Amino acid sequence: MDLHAILLEYWPHIVFVVSLAAGAGAAVHAAMTKQDVRSAIGWVGLTLLSPLFGALIYVVAGINRIRKTRLSQQRDEAMLEDAAQVETAPVDVAPISGSQFASLKVLGDQVSRFRLLGGNAVLPLAGGDEAYPAMLRAIRDASHAVAMQSYIFDNDPIGREMAQALIEAHERGVQVRVLIDAIGSRYSRPPIVRMLARGGVPVARFMTNPLGVLRMPYANLRSHRKILVVDGRVGFTGGRNPRAALRTTRARG
């Protein structure tokens, strides 16, 4: 019996064995490498319920292909050590926010590597109408450093105003750095990176491909972070991409 005949006769068994091996391999890999327990359980469940399909999805979207260098690991360890020196105790939280938040603080410390720290003030900003003016003021008041990261940075009135503020900060000697996701930067034309680059601002696009072809192993690896840090003292984070669509009011004229 030749190979072709064997494949025709036993292909269901071959598919079953391959599926079982692929699913088991993906499940073991997820269980051993995923630090988030919920993520590990989800991937293991998917690969066991649908071995072949689940394994394919896991290979594309589940494997972390960005490995930390030793230098970045040492930096993270040093940051955690510094943070531990100014950690806030639950007894200090209760008089300010109530005993229920003291318990929440304990829970948060158990599930997060970064514990609640003292010496900080948190101000919620509702929507772009509150967030964008505060971000612009912080950029315009910057004295030595502005670091900004965003998924989308639209070339619209809001985006151009923020880009101009970054350019002006760069021109007065502030160290400005901007990182925008490669896909998110294409949401408007022409991309705002051109305006920033013309203004001399160091700007880069995250996970770009010179050929413009989406690399499947990294298809899910996008930077959805929205972070603005000014002078190492004031920070903005949350779901606020610089774009006019996130404002509830519209400028007239």
C-alpha atoms as a PDB file:
ATOM      1  CA  MET A   1       0.000   0.000   0.000  1.00  0.00           C
ATOM      2  CA  ASP A   2       1.526   3.310  -1.083  1.00  0.00           C
ATOM      3  CA  LEU A   3       1.520   6.566   0.871  1.00  0.00           C
ATOM      4  CA  HIS A   4      -1.366   8.057  -1.109  1.00  0.00           C
ATOM      5  CA  ALA A   5      -3.591   5.097  -0.340  1.00  0.00           C
ATOM      6  CA  ILE A   6      -2.645   5.222   3.334  1.00  0.00           C
ATOM      7  CA  LEU A   7      -3.545   8.913   3.529  1.00  0.00           C
ATOM      8  CA  LEU A   8      -6.893   8.331   1.824  1.00  0.00           C
ATOM      9  CA  GLU A   9      -7.787   5.500   4.169  1.00  0.00           C
ATOM     10  CA  TYR A  10      -6.500   6.854   7.453  1.00  0.00           C
ATOM     11  CA  TRP A  11      -6.819  10.634   7.043  1.00  0.00           C
ATOM     12  CA  PRO A  12      -9.498  10.959   9.777  1.00  0.00           C
ATOM     13  CA  HIS A  13      -7.190   9.226  12.227  1.00  0.00           C
ATOM     14  CA  ILE A  14      -4.250  11.373  11.128  1.00  0.00           C
ATOM     15  CA  VAL A  15      -6.264  14.581  11.548  1.00  0.00           C
ATOM     16  CA  PHE A  16      -7.416  13.421  14.973  1.00  0.00           C
ATOM     17  CA  VAL A  17      -3.875  12.669  16.152  1.00  0.00           C
ATOM     18  CA  VAL A  18      -2.491  15.951  14.758  1.00  0.00           C
ATOM     19  CA  SER A  19      -5.345  17.924  16.340  1.00  0.00           C
ATOM     20  CA  LEU A  20      -4.855  16.210  19.668  1.00  0.00           C
ATOM     21  CA  ALA A  21      -1.100  16.812  19.629  1.00  0.00           C
ATOM     22  CA  ALA A  22      -1.484  20.457  18.571  1.00  0.00           C
ATOM     23  CA  GLY A  23      -4.144  21.139  21.183  1.00  0.00           C
ATOM     24  CA  ALA A  24      -2.171  19.446  23.934  1.00  0.00           C
ATOM     25  CA  GLY A  25       1.002  21.302  22.994  1.00  0.00           C
ATOM     26  CA  ALA A  26      -0.761  24.669  22.929  1.00  0.00           C
ATOM     27  CA  ALA A  27      -2.501  23.953  26.236  1.00  0.00           C
ATOM     28  CA  VAL A  28       0.761  23.005  27.943  1.00  0.00           C
ATOM     29  CA  HIS A  29       2.527  26.065  26.519  1.00  0.00           C
ATOM     30  CA  ALA A  30      -0.253  28.391  27.713  1.00  0.00           C
ATOM     31  CA  ALA A  31      -0.327  26.837  31.174  1.00  0.00           C
ATOM     32  CA  MET A  32       3.437  27.184  31.571  1.00  0.00           C
ATOM     33  CA  THR A  33       3.976  30.661  30.102  1.00  0.00           C
ATOM     34  CA  LYS A  34       0.884  32.744  30.893  1.00  0.00           C
ATOM     35  CA  GLN A  35       1.316  34.788  34.069  1.00  0.00           C
ATOM     36  CA  ASP A  36      -2.346  35.820  34.147  1.00  0.00           C
ATOM     37  CA  VAL A  37      -4.345  32.883  35.516  1.00  0.00           C
ATOM     38  CA  ARG A  38      -7.526  33.924  33.702  1.00  0.00           C
ATOM     39  CA  SER A  39      -5.685  34.148  30.402  1.00  0.00           C
ATOM     40  CA  ALA A  40      -4.105  30.731  30.938  1.00  0.00           C
ATOM     41  CA  ILE A  41      -7.471  29.125  31.770  1.00  0.00           C
ATOM     42  CA  GLY A  42      -9.084  30.706  28.718  1.00  0.00           C
ATOM     43  CA  TRP A  43      -6.429  29.496  26.303  1.00  0.00           C
ATOM     44  CA  VAL A  44      -6.300  26.019  27.815  1.00  0.00           C
ATOM     45  CA  GLY A  45     -10.084  25.751  27.570  1.00  0.00           C
ATOM     46  CA  LEU A  46     -10.093  26.889  23.944  1.00  0.00           C
ATOM     47  CA  THR A  47      -7.366  24.472  22.875  1.00  0.00           C
ATOM     48  CA  LEU A  48      -9.025  21.542  24.649  1.00  0.00           C
ATOM     49  CA  LEU A  49     -12.519  22.232  23.309  1.00  0.00           C
ATOM     50  CA  SER A  50     -11.300  22.855  19.766  1.00  0.00           C
ATOM     51  CA  PRO A  51      -7.769  21.434  19.532  1.00  0.00           C
ATOM     52  CA  LEU A  52      -6.799  22.232  15.950  1.00  0.00           C
ATOM     53  CA  PHE A  53      -8.646  25.548  15.573  1.00  0.00           C
ATOM     54  CA  GLY A  54      -7.727  26.619  19.100  1.00  0.00           C
ATOM     55  CA  ALA A  55      -4.060  25.794  18.549  1.00  0.00           C
ATOM     56  CA  LEU A  56      -3.986  27.851  15.338  1.00  0.00           C
ATOM     57  CA  ILE A  57      -5.584  30.835  17.083  1.00  0.00           C
ATOM     58  CA  TYR A  58      -3.151  30.469  19.972  1.00  0.00           C
ATOM     59  CA  VAL A  59      -0.130  30.449  17.651  1.00  0.00           C
ATOM     60  CA  VAL A  60      -1.316  33.676  15.984  1.00  0.00           C
ATOM     61  CA  ALA A  61      -2.756  35.607  18.914  1.00  0.00           C
ATOM     62  CA  GLY A  62      -1.688  33.927  22.132  1.00  0.00           C
ATOM     63  CA  ILE A  63       2.089  33.696  22.106  1.00  0.00           C
ATOM     64  CA  ASN A  64       4.078  36.627  23.428  1.00  0.00           C
ATOM     65  CA  ARG A  65       6.902  37.103  20.932  1.00  0.00           C
ATOM     66  CA  ILE A  66       8.346  40.187  22.586  1.00  0.00           C
ATOM     67  CA  ARG A  67      10.924  39.041  25.113  1.00  0.00           C
ATOM     68  CA  LYS A  68      12.257  41.294  27.824  1.00  0.00           C
ATOM     69  CA  THR A  69      15.965  41.882  27.791  1.00  0.00           C
ATOM     70  CA  ARG A  70      17.989  41.529  30.938  1.00  0.00           C
ATOM     71  CA  LEU A  71      18.369  45.309  31.086  1.00  0.00           C
ATOM     72  CA  SER A  72      14.612  45.895  31.073  1.00  0.00           C
ATOM     73  CA  GLN A  73      14.152  43.233  33.753  1.00  0.00           C
ATOM     74  CA  GLN A  74      16.723  44.944  35.969  1.00  0.00           C
ATOM     75  CA  ARG A  75      14.997  48.281  35.400  1.00  0.00           C
ATOM     76  CA  ASP A  76      11.618  46.839  36.407  1.00  0.00           C
ATOM     77  CA  GLU A  77      13.110  45.247  39.516  1.00  0.00           C
ATOM     78  CA  ALA A  78      14.731  48.538  40.535  1.00  0.00           C
ATOM     79  CA  MET A  79      11.459  50.390  39.999  1.00  0.00           C
ATOM     80  CA  LEU A  80       9.570  47.917  42.182  1.00  0.00           C
ATOM     81  CA  GLU A  81      12.202  48.247  44.912  1.00  0.00           C
ATOM     82  CA  ASP A  82      11.929  52.045  44.851  1.00  0.00           C
ATOM     83  CA  ALA A  83       8.133  51.856  44.937  1.00  0.00           C
ATOM     84  CA  ALA A  84       8.210  49.552  47.954  1.00  0.00           C
ATOM     85  CA  GLN A  85       9.930  52.292  49.965  1.00  0.00           C
ATOM     86  CA  VAL A  86       6.936  54.643  49.644  1.00  0.00           C
ATOM     87  CA  GLU A  87       4.175  52.044  49.817  1.00  0.00           C
ATOM     88  CA  THR A  88       0.938  53.147  51.465  1.00  0.00           C
ATOM     89  CA  ALA A  89      -0.337  51.011  54.336  1.00  0.00           C
ATOM     90  CA  PRO A  90      -4.055  50.068  54.534  1.00  0.00           C
ATOM     91  CA  VAL A  91      -4.337  51.925  57.860  1.00  0.00           C
ATOM     92  CA  ASP A  92      -3.388  55.129  56.029  1.00  0.00           C
ATOM     93  CA  VAL A  93      -6.073  54.621  53.389  1.00  0.00           C
ATOM     94  CA  ALA A  94      -9.001  54.082  55.771  1.00  0.00           C
ATOM     95  CA  PRO A  95      -9.099  57.582  57.383  1.00  0.00           C
ATOM     96  CA  ILE A  96      -9.077  59.252  53.969  1.00  0.00           C
ATOM     97  CA  SER A  97     -11.265  57.028  51.802  1.00  0.00           C
ATOM     98  CA  GLY A  98     -13.029  54.665  54.210  1.00  0.00           C
ATOM     99  CA  SER A  99     -12.466  51.146  55.446  1.00  0.00           C
ATOM    100  CA  GLN A 100     -13.983  49.596  52.301  1.00  0.00           C
ATOM    101  CA  PHE A 101     -11.250  51.177  50.187  1.00  0.00           C
ATOM    102  CA  ALA A 102      -8.590  49.965  52.595  1.00  0.00           C
ATOM    103  CA  SER A 103      -9.770  46.419  51.857  1.00  0.00           C
ATOM    104  CA  LEU A 104      -9.783  47.214  48.142  1.00  0.00           C
ATOM    105  CA  LYS A 105      -6.203  48.419  48.473  1.00  0.00           C
ATOM    106  CA  VAL A 106      -5.166  45.081  49.975  1.00  0.00           C
ATOM    107  CA  LEU A 107      -6.904  43.212  47.144  1.00  0.00           C
ATOM    108  CA  GLY A 108      -5.270  45.391  44.504  1.00  0.00           C
ATOM    109  CA  ASP A 109      -1.836  44.805  45.980  1.00  0.00           C
ATOM    110  CA  GLN A 110      -2.371  41.047  45.761  1.00  0.00           C
ATOM    111  CA  VAL A 111      -3.321  40.989  42.069  1.00  0.00           C
ATOM    112  CA  SER A 112      -0.960  43.703  40.804  1.00  0.00           C
ATOM    113  CA  ARG A 113       2.809  43.964  40.796  1.00  0.00           C
ATOM    114  CA  PHE A 114       2.515  47.707  41.407  1.00  0.00           C
ATOM    115  CA  ARG A 115       1.240  48.600  44.847  1.00  0.00           C
ATOM    116  CA  LEU A 116      -0.667  51.726  45.852  1.00  0.00           C
ATOM    117  CA  LEU A 117       1.807  54.515  46.565  1.00  0.00           C
ATOM    118  CA  GLY A 118       1.561  57.585  48.721  1.00  0.00           C
ATOM    119  CA  GLY A 119       2.332  61.125  47.636  1.00  0.00           C
ATOM    120  CA  ASN A 120       0.030  61.024  44.606  1.00  0.00           C
ATOM    121  CA  ALA A 121      -3.275  62.662  43.749  1.00  0.00           C
ATOM    122  CA  VAL A 122      -5.699  61.180  41.212  1.00  0.00           C
ATOM    123  CA  LEU A 123      -8.197  63.377  39.362  1.00  0.00           C
ATOM    124  CA  PRO A 124     -10.767  61.686  37.068  1.00  0.00           C
ATOM    125  CA  LEU A 125     -11.323  63.581  33.805  1.00  0.00           C
ATOM    126  CA  ALA A 126     -14.650  62.840  32.121  1.00  0.00           C
ATOM    127  CA  GLY A 127     -14.365  62.741  28.345  1.00  0.00           C
ATOM    128  CA  GLY A 128     -12.259  64.723  25.949  1.00  0.00           C
ATOM    129  CA  ASP A 129     -13.837  68.023  27.000  1.00  0.00           C
ATOM    130  CA  GLU A 130     -12.052  67.757  30.348  1.00  0.00           C
ATOM    131  CA  ALA A 131      -9.031  65.674  29.373  1.00  0.00           C
ATOM    132  CA  TYR A 132      -7.735  67.554  26.313  1.00  0.00           C
ATOM    133  CA  PRO A 133      -7.512  71.052  27.893  1.00  0.00           C
ATOM    134  CA  ALA A 134      -5.694  69.579  30.905  1.00  0.00           C
ATOM    135  CA  MET A 135      -3.292  67.676  28.652  1.00  0.00           C
ATOM    136  CA  LEU A 136      -2.610  70.781  26.560  1.00  0.00           C
ATOM    137  CA  ARG A 137      -1.939  72.879  29.671  1.00  0.00           C
ATOM    138  CA  ALA A 138       0.498  70.272  30.955  1.00  0.00           C
ATOM    139  CA  ILE A 139       2.380  70.153  27.638  1.00  0.00           C
ATOM    140  CA  ARG A 140       2.539  73.956  27.411  1.00  0.00           C
ATOM    141  CA  ASP A 141       3.813  74.182  30.998  1.00  0.00           C
ATOM    142  CA  ALA A 142       6.438  71.449  30.520  1.00  0.00           C
ATOM    143  CA  SER A 143       9.952  72.440  31.508  1.00  0.00           C
ATOM    144  CA  HIS A 144      12.173  69.484  30.599  1.00  0.00           C
ATOM    145  CA  ALA A 145      10.397  66.338  29.303  1.00  0.00           C
ATOM    146  CA  VAL A 146       7.210  65.180  27.590  1.00  0.00           C
ATOM    147  CA  ALA A 147       6.616  61.517  26.722  1.00  0.00           C
ATOM    148  CA  MET A 148       3.448  60.608  24.842  1.00  0.00           C
ATOM    149  CA  GLN A 149       2.116  57.277  23.606  1.00  0.00           C
ATOM    150  CA  SER A 150      -1.176  56.714  21.791  1.00  0.00           C
ATOM    151  CA  TYR A 151      -2.951  54.218  19.584  1.00  0.00           C
ATOM    152  CA  ILE A 152      -4.699  56.858  17.442  1.00  0.00           C
ATOM    153  CA  PHE A 153      -3.486  60.427  16.882  1.00  0.00           C
ATOM    154  CA  ASP A 154      -5.862  61.981  14.360  1.00  0.00           C
ATOM    155  CA  ASN A 155      -5.011  64.793  11.981  1.00  0.00           C
ATOM    156  CA  ASP A 156      -8.048  66.871  12.983  1.00  0.00           C
ATOM    157  CA  PRO A 157      -8.458  70.112  14.988  1.00  0.00           C
ATOM    158  CA  ILE A 158      -7.768  68.403  18.318  1.00  0.00           C
ATOM    159  CA  GLY A 159      -4.861  66.360  16.998  1.00  0.00           C
ATOM    160  CA  ARG A 160      -3.264  69.339  15.257  1.00  0.00           C
ATOM    161  CA  GLU A 161      -3.604  71.520  18.365  1.00  0.00           C
ATOM    162  CA  MET A 162      -1.899  68.880  20.473  1.00  0.00           C
ATOM    163  CA  ALA A 163       0.775  68.300  17.827  1.00  0.00           C
ATOM    164  CA  GLN A 164       1.456  72.041  17.692  1.00  0.00           C
ATOM    165  CA  ALA A 165       1.799  72.144  21.489  1.00  0.00           C
ATOM    166  CA  LEU A 166       4.332  69.302  21.286  1.00  0.00           C
ATOM    167  CA  ILE A 167       6.252  71.107  18.534  1.00  0.00           C
ATOM    168  CA  GLU A 168       6.352  74.332  20.555  1.00  0.00           C
ATOM    169  CA  ALA A 169       7.583  72.421  23.605  1.00  0.00           C
ATOM    170  CA  HIS A 170      10.346  70.879  21.489  1.00  0.00           C
ATOM    171  CA  GLU A 171      11.317  74.302  20.135  1.00  0.00           C
ATOM    172  CA  ARG A 172      11.783  75.734  23.633  1.00  0.00           C
ATOM    173  CA  GLY A 173      14.170  72.935  24.576  1.00  0.00           C
ATOM    174  CA  VAL A 174      11.867  70.371  26.168  1.00  0.00           C
ATOM    175  CA  GLN A 175      12.761  66.745  25.423  1.00  0.00           C
ATOM    176  CA  VAL A 176       9.680  65.487  23.555  1.00  0.00           C
ATOM    177  CA  ARG A 177       9.126  61.886  22.455  1.00  0.00           C
ATOM    178  CA  VAL A 178       6.008  60.515  20.768  1.00  0.00           C
ATOM    179  CA  LEU A 179       5.096  56.891  19.976  1.00  0.00           C
ATOM    180  CA  ILE A 180       1.999  56.078  17.894  1.00  0.00           C
ATOM    181  CA  ASP A 181       0.758  52.664  16.828  1.00  0.00           C
ATOM    182  CA  ALA A 182       1.474  51.969  13.153  1.00  0.00           C
ATOM    183  CA  ILE A 183      -2.123  50.982  12.391  1.00  0.00           C
ATOM    184  CA  GLY A 184      -3.711  53.668  14.567  1.00  0.00           C
ATOM    185  CA  SER A 185      -1.597  56.332  12.865  1.00  0.00           C
ATOM    186  CA  ARG A 186      -3.380  55.562   9.577  1.00  0.00           C
ATOM    187  CA  TYR A 187      -6.860  56.410  10.845  1.00  0.00           C
ATOM    188  CA  SER A 188      -6.575  59.892   9.308  1.00  0.00           C
ATOM    189  CA  ARG A 189      -4.852  61.239   6.221  1.00  0.00           C
ATOM    190  CA  PRO A 190      -2.284  62.620   6.011  1.00  0.00           C
ATOM    191  CA  PRO A 191      -0.888  61.030   9.189  1.00  0.00           C
ATOM    192  CA  ILE A 192      -0.121  63.418  12.035  1.00  0.00           C
ATOM    193  CA  VAL A 193       3.402  61.959  12.207  1.00  0.00           C
ATOM    194  CA  ARG A 194       4.297  64.114   9.201  1.00  0.00           C
ATOM    195  CA  MET A 195       3.397  67.320  11.043  1.00  0.00           C
ATOM    196  CA  LEU A 196       5.321  66.202  14.118  1.00  0.00           C
ATOM    197  CA  ALA A 197       8.370  65.183  12.077  1.00  0.00           C
ATOM    198  CA  ARG A 198       8.381  68.483  10.176  1.00  0.00           C
ATOM    199  CA  GLY A 199       8.324  70.254  13.535  1.00  0.00           C
ATOM    200  CA  GLY A 200      11.412  68.347  14.648  1.00  0.00           C
ATOM    201  CA  VAL A 201       9.630  66.208  17.240  1.00  0.00           C
ATOM    202  CA  PRO A 202      11.127  62.708  17.657  1.00  0.00           C
ATOM    203  CA  VAL A 203       8.192  60.503  16.663  1.00  0.00           C
ATOM    204  CA  ALA A 204       8.039  56.773  15.941  1.00  0.00           C
ATOM    205  CA  ARG A 205       5.378  54.267  14.936  1.00  0.00           C
ATOM    206  CA  PHE A 206       5.004  51.061  16.915  1.00  0.00           C
ATOM    207  CA  MET A 207       5.321  47.722  15.089  1.00  0.00           C
ATOM    208  CA  THR A 208       5.478  49.109  11.576  1.00  0.00           C
ATOM    209  CA  ASN A 209       6.362  47.115   8.481  1.00  0.00           C
ATOM    210  CA  PRO A 210       8.256  48.866   5.668  1.00  0.00           C
ATOM    211  CA  LEU A 211       6.463  46.701   3.098  1.00  0.00           C
ATOM    212  CA  GLY A 212       3.048  47.591   4.471  1.00  0.00           C
ATOM    213  CA  VAL A 213       2.160  43.911   4.865  1.00  0.00           C
ATOM    214  CA  LEU A 214       0.590  42.749   8.121  1.00  0.00           C
ATOM    215  CA  ARG A 215       2.783  40.083   9.692  1.00  0.00           C
ATOM    216  CA  MET A 216       0.378  37.445  10.967  1.00  0.00           C
ATOM    217  CA  PRO A 217       2.424  36.263  13.981  1.00  0.00           C
ATOM    218  CA  TYR A 218       2.266  39.853  15.270  1.00  0.00           C
ATOM    219  CA  ALA A 219      -1.205  40.780  14.002  1.00  0.00           C
ATOM    220  CA  ASN A 220      -2.614  41.111  17.516  1.00  0.00           C
ATOM    221  CA  LEU A 221       0.388  42.980  18.880  1.00  0.00           C
ATOM    222  CA  ARG A 222      -0.813  46.584  18.818  1.00  0.00           C
ATOM    223  CA  SER A 223      -0.074  49.387  21.253  1.00  0.00           C
ATOM    224  CA  HIS A 224      -3.410  50.566  22.642  1.00  0.00           C
ATOM    225  CA  ARG A 225      -1.786  52.517  25.459  1.00  0.00           C
ATOM    226  CA  LYS A 226      -2.812  56.142  25.878  1.00  0.00           C
ATOM    227  CA  ILE A 227      -0.198  57.744  28.118  1.00  0.00           C
ATOM    228  CA  LEU A 228       1.122  61.269  28.567  1.00  0.00           C
ATOM    229  CA  VAL A 229       3.851  61.967  31.140  1.00  0.00           C
ATOM    230  CA  VAL A 230       5.093  65.520  31.671  1.00  0.00           C
ATOM    231  CA  ASP A 231       8.280  66.313  33.587  1.00  0.00           C
ATOM    232  CA  GLY A 232       8.034  62.971  35.377  1.00  0.00           C
ATOM    233  CA  ARG A 233       5.466  64.477  37.747  1.00  0.00           C
ATOM    234  CA  VAL A 234       2.130  64.729  35.913  1.00  0.00           C
ATOM    235  CA  GLY A 235       0.630  61.781  34.059  1.00  0.00           C
ATOM    236  CA  PHE A 236      -2.493  61.139  32.005  1.00  0.00           C
ATOM    237  CA  THR A 237      -3.700  57.643  31.182  1.00  0.00           C
ATOM    238  CA  GLY A 238      -6.913  56.058  29.953  1.00  0.00           C
ATOM    239  CA  GLY A 239      -8.956  55.801  26.777  1.00  0.00           C
ATOM    240  CA  ARG A 240      -8.271  59.239  25.342  1.00  0.00           C
ATOM    241  CA  ASN A 241      -6.747  59.178  21.892  1.00  0.00           C
ATOM    242  CA  PRO A 242      -6.124  62.699  20.538  1.00  0.00           C
ATOM    243  CA  ARG A 243      -9.113  63.022  18.233  1.00  0.00           C
ATOM    244  CA  ALA A 244     -12.072  65.384  17.927  1.00  0.00           C
ATOM    245  CA  ALA A 245     -14.572  62.502  17.920  1.00  0.00           C
ATOM    246  CA  LEU A 246     -14.057  62.071  21.682  1.00  0.00           C
ATOM    247  CA  ARG A 247     -15.336  65.553  22.457  1.00  0.00           C
ATOM    248  CA  THR A 248     -19.009  66.073  23.250  1.00  0.00           C
ATOM    249  CA  THR A 249     -18.911  69.766  22.362  1.00  0.00           C
ATOM    250  CA  ARG A 250     -17.855  71.194  19.030  1.00  0.00           C
ATOM    251  CA  ALA A 251     -16.032  74.430  18.403  1.00  0.00           C
ATOM    252  CA  ARG A 252     -18.006  76.966  16.411  1.00  0.00           C
ATOM    253  CA  GLY A 253     -16.809  78.947  13.478  1.00  0.00           C
END
